[in-house]
Amino acid sequence: MQPDGKWHIHDPDRTQPEVVEPKYDGKPVPAPEGAKVIFDGTSLDQFMNNTWKIEDGVMIAGGKGQKSKEKFGDMHLHVEWMVPVGLKGWGQAQGNSGIFLMDRYEIQVLKLLGQPHVS
């Protein structure tokens, strides 16, 4: 069972997030109603690692990984990222990046060859 006791792990009857088709027209999209926004493009106050920088509303990695100050459990996570133009190689050979959840699980963030990217 999940920690809240409502769902079994991988329960097919568990509520599912709304499917969102990616559209990028260069304009910011407001967060859904009820969302907890931890990065608004202006401040790193919600994060532990203050060595990262913000440029043009984007968080730029610097050294160690980044971690939110607040702890989260069961959630729907929305993340936006950009892949630098001109990456060479395939898979992790072009850069190893990911999103860690609960200091345990990693979602890999890789650009696959032939896939579109935002530049």
N, C-alpha and C. Protein backbone atom coordinates (compact mmCIF):
# COMPACT_ATOMS: atom_id res chain seq x y z
N MET A 1 0.84 -1.19 0.00
CA MET A 1 0.00 0.00 0.00
C MET A 1 0.88 1.25 0.00
N GLN A 2 0.35 2.30 -0.60
CA GLN A 2 1.01 3.59 -0.54
C GLN A 2 0.96 4.08 0.91
N PRO A 3 1.87 4.98 1.30
CA PRO A 3 1.87 5.46 2.69
C PRO A 3 0.55 6.03 3.17
N ASP A 4 -0.25 6.64 2.27
CA ASP A 4 -1.53 7.20 2.71
C ASP A 4 -2.62 6.13 2.85
N GLY A 5 -2.32 4.90 2.44
CA GLY A 5 -3.25 3.79 2.62
C GLY A 5 -4.42 3.75 1.66
N LYS A 6 -4.43 4.62 0.64
CA LYS A 6 -5.57 4.67 -0.27
C LYS A 6 -5.38 3.76 -1.49
N TRP A 7 -4.14 3.55 -1.91
CA TRP A 7 -3.90 2.84 -3.15
C TRP A 7 -2.82 1.79 -2.98
N HIS A 8 -2.98 0.68 -3.68
CA HIS A 8 -1.90 -0.28 -3.78
C HIS A 8 -0.90 0.25 -4.79
N ILE A 9 0.36 -0.14 -4.63
CA ILE A 9 1.38 0.28 -5.59
C ILE A 9 0.99 -0.26 -6.97
N HIS A 10 1.08 0.57 -7.99
CA HIS A 10 0.70 0.24 -9.37
C HIS A 10 -0.78 -0.10 -9.50
N ASP A 11 -1.62 0.42 -8.66
CA ASP A 11 -3.06 0.16 -8.70
C ASP A 11 -3.65 0.80 -9.96
N PRO A 12 -4.26 0.01 -10.85
CA PRO A 12 -4.80 0.59 -12.08
C PRO A 12 -5.99 1.51 -11.84
N ASP A 13 -6.61 1.43 -10.65
CA ASP A 13 -7.75 2.30 -10.35
C ASP A 13 -7.33 3.62 -9.72
N ARG A 14 -6.04 3.79 -9.50
CA ARG A 14 -5.53 5.02 -8.90
C ARG A 14 -5.79 6.18 -9.86
N THR A 15 -6.08 7.35 -9.33
CA THR A 15 -6.34 8.51 -10.19
C THR A 15 -5.11 8.80 -11.04
N GLN A 16 -5.35 9.24 -12.25
CA GLN A 16 -4.27 9.51 -13.19
C GLN A 16 -4.23 11.00 -13.51
N PRO A 17 -3.03 11.55 -13.74
CA PRO A 17 -2.96 12.96 -14.10
C PRO A 17 -3.54 13.20 -15.49
N GLU A 18 -4.01 14.40 -15.69
CA GLU A 18 -4.52 14.80 -16.99
C GLU A 18 -3.40 14.76 -18.02
N VAL A 19 -3.68 14.25 -19.19
CA VAL A 19 -2.69 14.22 -20.27
C VAL A 19 -2.59 15.63 -20.85
N VAL A 20 -1.38 16.14 -20.93
CA VAL A 20 -1.15 17.48 -21.43
C VAL A 20 -0.27 17.37 -22.67
N GLU A 21 -0.76 17.86 -23.77
CA GLU A 21 0.01 17.86 -25.01
C GLU A 21 1.02 19.01 -24.95
N PRO A 22 2.31 18.72 -25.19
CA PRO A 22 3.29 19.80 -25.13
C PRO A 22 3.10 20.80 -26.27
N LYS A 23 3.07 22.06 -25.91
CA LYS A 23 2.98 23.15 -26.89
C LYS A 23 3.92 24.24 -26.39
N TYR A 24 4.79 24.69 -27.21
CA TYR A 24 5.68 25.76 -26.78
C TYR A 24 5.63 26.88 -27.80
N ASP A 25 5.11 28.00 -27.37
CA ASP A 25 5.05 29.16 -28.24
C ASP A 25 5.93 30.29 -27.70
N GLY A 26 6.76 29.96 -26.69
CA GLY A 26 7.66 30.95 -26.12
C GLY A 26 7.05 31.78 -25.01
N LYS A 27 5.76 31.58 -24.72
CA LYS A 27 5.08 32.35 -23.68
C LYS A 27 4.88 31.47 -22.44
N PRO A 28 5.01 32.06 -21.25
CA PRO A 28 4.79 31.29 -20.03
C PRO A 28 3.35 30.78 -19.95
N VAL A 29 3.20 29.61 -19.38
CA VAL A 29 1.88 29.02 -19.17
C VAL A 29 1.62 29.01 -17.67
N PRO A 30 0.48 29.52 -17.23
CA PRO A 30 0.22 29.54 -15.79
C PRO A 30 0.10 28.13 -15.22
N ALA A 31 0.49 27.99 -13.97
CA ALA A 31 0.36 26.70 -13.28
C ALA A 31 -1.11 26.37 -13.08
N PRO A 32 -1.46 25.08 -13.06
CA PRO A 32 -2.85 24.72 -12.83
C PRO A 32 -3.33 25.15 -11.45
N GLU A 33 -4.61 25.30 -11.29
CA GLU A 33 -5.19 25.67 -10.00
C GLU A 33 -4.79 24.64 -8.95
N GLY A 34 -4.36 25.12 -7.79
CA GLY A 34 -3.98 24.24 -6.70
C GLY A 34 -2.54 23.75 -6.75
N ALA A 35 -1.78 24.12 -7.79
CA ALA A 35 -0.40 23.66 -7.92
C ALA A 35 0.50 24.35 -6.91
N LYS A 36 1.49 23.66 -6.42
CA LYS A 36 2.51 24.23 -5.54
C LYS A 36 3.71 24.53 -6.44
N VAL A 37 3.96 25.79 -6.72
CA VAL A 37 5.06 26.19 -7.59
C VAL A 37 6.28 26.43 -6.73
N ILE A 38 7.36 25.68 -6.99
CA ILE A 38 8.57 25.88 -6.18
C ILE A 38 9.64 26.67 -6.92
N PHE A 39 9.48 26.86 -8.22
CA PHE A 39 10.40 27.74 -8.96
C PHE A 39 9.59 28.59 -9.92
N ASP A 40 9.65 29.90 -9.72
CA ASP A 40 8.88 30.83 -10.55
C ASP A 40 9.76 31.61 -11.52
N GLY A 41 11.02 31.24 -11.63
CA GLY A 41 11.92 31.93 -12.55
C GLY A 41 12.63 33.12 -11.95
N THR A 42 12.36 33.40 -10.66
CA THR A 42 12.97 34.59 -10.05
C THR A 42 13.75 34.32 -8.77
N SER A 43 13.52 33.18 -8.12
CA SER A 43 14.11 32.97 -6.81
C SER A 43 14.45 31.50 -6.57
N LEU A 44 15.55 31.29 -5.84
CA LEU A 44 15.94 29.94 -5.42
C LEU A 44 15.61 29.71 -3.95
N ASP A 45 14.73 30.54 -3.39
CA ASP A 45 14.40 30.44 -1.97
C ASP A 45 13.84 29.09 -1.56
N GLN A 46 13.22 28.37 -2.47
CA GLN A 46 12.61 27.08 -2.16
C GLN A 46 13.60 25.92 -2.28
N PHE A 47 14.89 26.24 -2.55
CA PHE A 47 15.88 25.20 -2.81
C PHE A 47 17.06 25.29 -1.85
N MET A 48 17.73 24.14 -1.67
CA MET A 48 18.84 24.03 -0.73
C MET A 48 20.15 24.59 -1.31
N ASN A 49 20.43 24.32 -2.58
CA ASN A 49 21.72 24.66 -3.18
C ASN A 49 21.65 26.06 -3.78
N ASN A 50 22.28 27.03 -3.12
CA ASN A 50 22.22 28.40 -3.62
C ASN A 50 23.39 28.75 -4.54
N THR A 51 24.16 27.73 -4.97
CA THR A 51 25.24 28.00 -5.92
C THR A 51 24.74 28.01 -7.36
N TRP A 52 23.51 27.55 -7.58
CA TRP A 52 22.95 27.61 -8.92
C TRP A 52 22.59 29.06 -9.23
N LYS A 53 22.44 29.37 -10.50
CA LYS A 53 22.13 30.74 -10.91
C LYS A 53 20.80 30.78 -11.64
N ILE A 54 20.26 31.95 -11.74
CA ILE A 54 19.06 32.19 -12.54
C ILE A 54 19.43 33.17 -13.64
N GLU A 55 19.20 32.79 -14.88
CA GLU A 55 19.44 33.67 -16.02
C GLU A 55 18.22 33.64 -16.92
N ASP A 56 17.66 34.80 -17.19
CA ASP A 56 16.48 34.92 -18.05
C ASP A 56 15.35 34.01 -17.58
N GLY A 57 15.17 33.90 -16.27
CA GLY A 57 14.07 33.11 -15.72
C GLY A 57 14.30 31.62 -15.71
N VAL A 58 15.54 31.20 -15.99
CA VAL A 58 15.87 29.78 -16.07
C VAL A 58 16.89 29.43 -15.00
N MET A 59 16.71 28.31 -14.32
CA MET A 59 17.66 27.84 -13.33
C MET A 59 18.81 27.15 -14.05
N ILE A 60 20.03 27.59 -13.78
CA ILE A 60 21.23 27.05 -14.43
C ILE A 60 21.99 26.23 -13.40
N ALA A 61 22.23 24.97 -13.75
CA ALA A 61 22.93 24.06 -12.84
C ALA A 61 24.32 24.57 -12.52
N GLY A 62 24.73 24.36 -11.28
CA GLY A 62 26.06 24.77 -10.86
C GLY A 62 26.60 23.82 -9.81
N GLY A 63 27.48 22.94 -10.23
CA GLY A 63 28.08 22.02 -9.25
C GLY A 63 27.14 20.91 -8.85
N LYS A 64 26.93 20.77 -7.58
CA LYS A 64 26.11 19.68 -7.05
C LYS A 64 24.65 19.78 -7.51
N GLY A 65 23.92 18.73 -7.22
CA GLY A 65 22.50 18.70 -7.56
C GLY A 65 21.70 19.71 -6.77
N GLN A 66 20.45 19.83 -7.12
CA GLN A 66 19.55 20.76 -6.47
C GLN A 66 18.49 19.98 -5.73
N LYS A 67 17.99 20.52 -4.61
CA LYS A 67 17.01 19.83 -3.80
C LYS A 67 16.05 20.86 -3.20
N SER A 68 14.76 20.54 -3.24
CA SER A 68 13.78 21.45 -2.65
C SER A 68 13.89 21.39 -1.13
N LYS A 69 13.61 22.51 -0.48
CA LYS A 69 13.60 22.55 0.98
C LYS A 69 12.40 21.78 1.53
N GLU A 70 11.28 21.90 0.83
CA GLU A 70 10.06 21.21 1.27
C GLU A 70 10.09 19.77 0.82
N LYS A 71 9.56 18.89 1.65
CA LYS A 71 9.47 17.47 1.30
C LYS A 71 8.09 17.20 0.71
N PHE A 72 8.06 16.33 -0.30
CA PHE A 72 6.81 16.00 -0.98
C PHE A 72 6.64 14.49 -0.98
N GLY A 73 5.41 14.04 -1.00
CA GLY A 73 5.10 12.62 -1.09
C GLY A 73 4.41 12.34 -2.41
N ASP A 74 3.23 11.75 -2.34
CA ASP A 74 2.45 11.44 -3.53
C ASP A 74 2.10 12.73 -4.24
N MET A 75 2.38 12.81 -5.55
CA MET A 75 2.18 14.07 -6.27
C MET A 75 2.08 13.84 -7.76
N HIS A 76 1.64 14.86 -8.45
CA HIS A 76 1.77 14.96 -9.90
C HIS A 76 2.86 16.00 -10.10
N LEU A 77 3.91 15.64 -10.81
CA LEU A 77 5.06 16.52 -10.99
C LEU A 77 5.08 17.05 -12.42
N HIS A 78 5.25 18.36 -12.53
CA HIS A 78 5.38 18.99 -13.85
C HIS A 78 6.75 19.66 -13.89
N VAL A 79 7.57 19.27 -14.85
CA VAL A 79 8.92 19.81 -14.99
C VAL A 79 9.10 20.27 -16.43
N GLU A 80 9.73 21.41 -16.60
CA GLU A 80 10.08 21.88 -17.93
C GLU A 80 11.59 22.05 -17.97
N TRP A 81 12.21 21.63 -19.06
CA TRP A 81 13.65 21.77 -19.21
C TRP A 81 13.97 22.02 -20.66
N MET A 82 15.16 22.55 -20.89
CA MET A 82 15.64 22.78 -22.24
C MET A 82 16.96 22.04 -22.42
N VAL A 83 17.19 21.55 -23.60
CA VAL A 83 18.43 20.85 -23.94
C VAL A 83 19.30 21.83 -24.72
N PRO A 84 20.56 21.99 -24.32
CA PRO A 84 21.43 22.91 -25.07
C PRO A 84 21.58 22.48 -26.53
N VAL A 85 21.64 23.44 -27.40
CA VAL A 85 21.83 23.19 -28.83
C VAL A 85 23.25 22.67 -29.05
N GLY A 86 23.41 21.74 -29.98
CA GLY A 86 24.73 21.27 -30.36
C GLY A 86 25.28 20.11 -29.56
N LEU A 87 24.44 19.44 -28.76
CA LEU A 87 24.92 18.29 -28.01
C LEU A 87 25.36 17.20 -28.97
N LYS A 88 26.46 16.56 -28.67
CA LYS A 88 26.98 15.47 -29.49
C LYS A 88 26.84 14.17 -28.71
N GLY A 89 26.81 13.06 -29.41
CA GLY A 89 26.73 11.77 -28.73
C GLY A 89 25.30 11.28 -28.63
N TRP A 90 25.12 10.22 -27.87
CA TRP A 90 23.81 9.60 -27.72
C TRP A 90 23.59 9.25 -26.27
N GLY A 91 22.37 9.40 -25.77
CA GLY A 91 22.04 9.02 -24.41
C GLY A 91 22.91 9.75 -23.39
N GLN A 92 23.44 9.01 -22.43
CA GLN A 92 24.22 9.63 -21.36
C GLN A 92 25.58 10.14 -21.82
N ALA A 93 26.02 9.77 -23.02
CA ALA A 93 27.29 10.28 -23.53
C ALA A 93 27.21 11.78 -23.81
N GLN A 94 26.01 12.33 -23.93
CA GLN A 94 25.87 13.76 -24.19
C GLN A 94 25.52 14.54 -22.93
N GLY A 95 25.48 13.87 -21.80
CA GLY A 95 25.18 14.53 -20.54
C GLY A 95 24.23 13.68 -19.73
N ASN A 96 24.53 13.52 -18.47
CA ASN A 96 23.70 12.70 -17.60
C ASN A 96 22.95 13.62 -16.66
N SER A 97 21.65 13.68 -16.82
CA SER A 97 20.84 14.55 -16.00
C SER A 97 19.59 13.80 -15.60
N GLY A 98 19.04 14.18 -14.49
CA GLY A 98 17.83 13.50 -14.04
C GLY A 98 17.15 14.24 -12.92
N ILE A 99 15.99 13.77 -12.56
CA ILE A 99 15.21 14.31 -11.46
C ILE A 99 15.09 13.20 -10.43
N PHE A 100 15.62 13.45 -9.24
CA PHE A 100 15.54 12.47 -8.17
C PHE A 100 14.32 12.75 -7.31
N LEU A 101 13.61 11.71 -6.98
CA LEU A 101 12.44 11.81 -6.11
C LEU A 101 12.74 11.06 -4.81
N MET A 102 12.53 11.73 -3.69
CA MET A 102 12.69 11.15 -2.36
C MET A 102 14.11 10.60 -2.14
N ASP A 103 15.11 11.21 -2.76
CA ASP A 103 16.51 10.77 -2.64
C ASP A 103 16.70 9.30 -3.02
N ARG A 104 15.80 8.79 -3.84
CA ARG A 104 15.86 7.36 -4.13
C ARG A 104 15.64 7.02 -5.60
N TYR A 105 14.62 7.61 -6.21
CA TYR A 105 14.22 7.24 -7.57
C TYR A 105 14.63 8.34 -8.53
N GLU A 106 15.12 7.93 -9.69
CA GLU A 106 15.56 8.92 -10.67
C GLU A 106 14.76 8.80 -11.96
N ILE A 107 14.33 9.93 -12.46
CA ILE A 107 13.73 10.03 -13.79
C ILE A 107 14.83 10.60 -14.68
N GLN A 108 15.28 9.84 -15.66
CA GLN A 108 16.35 10.30 -16.55
C GLN A 108 15.83 11.39 -17.47
N VAL A 109 16.64 12.40 -17.68
CA VAL A 109 16.33 13.48 -18.62
C VAL A 109 17.42 13.45 -19.68
N LEU A 110 17.08 12.90 -20.83
CA LEU A 110 18.04 12.78 -21.92
C LEU A 110 17.36 13.20 -23.22
N LYS A 111 18.12 13.80 -24.11
CA LYS A 111 17.62 14.08 -25.45
C LYS A 111 18.07 12.93 -26.34
N LEU A 112 17.14 12.28 -26.96
CA LEU A 112 17.49 11.21 -27.89
C LEU A 112 17.70 11.78 -29.27
N LEU A 113 18.62 11.21 -30.01
CA LEU A 113 18.88 11.69 -31.36
C LEU A 113 17.61 11.63 -32.19
N GLY A 114 17.42 12.66 -32.98
CA GLY A 114 16.25 12.70 -33.85
C GLY A 114 15.02 13.27 -33.16
N GLN A 115 15.10 13.55 -31.86
CA GLN A 115 13.96 14.10 -31.15
C GLN A 115 14.04 15.62 -31.18
N PRO A 116 12.90 16.28 -31.24
CA PRO A 116 12.93 17.76 -31.26
C PRO A 116 13.40 18.31 -29.92
N HIS A 117 13.91 19.52 -29.94
CA HIS A 117 14.30 20.20 -28.72
C HIS A 117 13.99 21.68 -28.85
N VAL A 118 13.92 22.34 -27.71
CA VAL A 118 13.66 23.78 -27.70
C VAL A 118 15.01 24.48 -27.72
N SER A 119 15.16 25.45 -28.59
CA SER A 119 16.44 26.18 -28.62
C SER A 119 16.19 27.66 -28.51
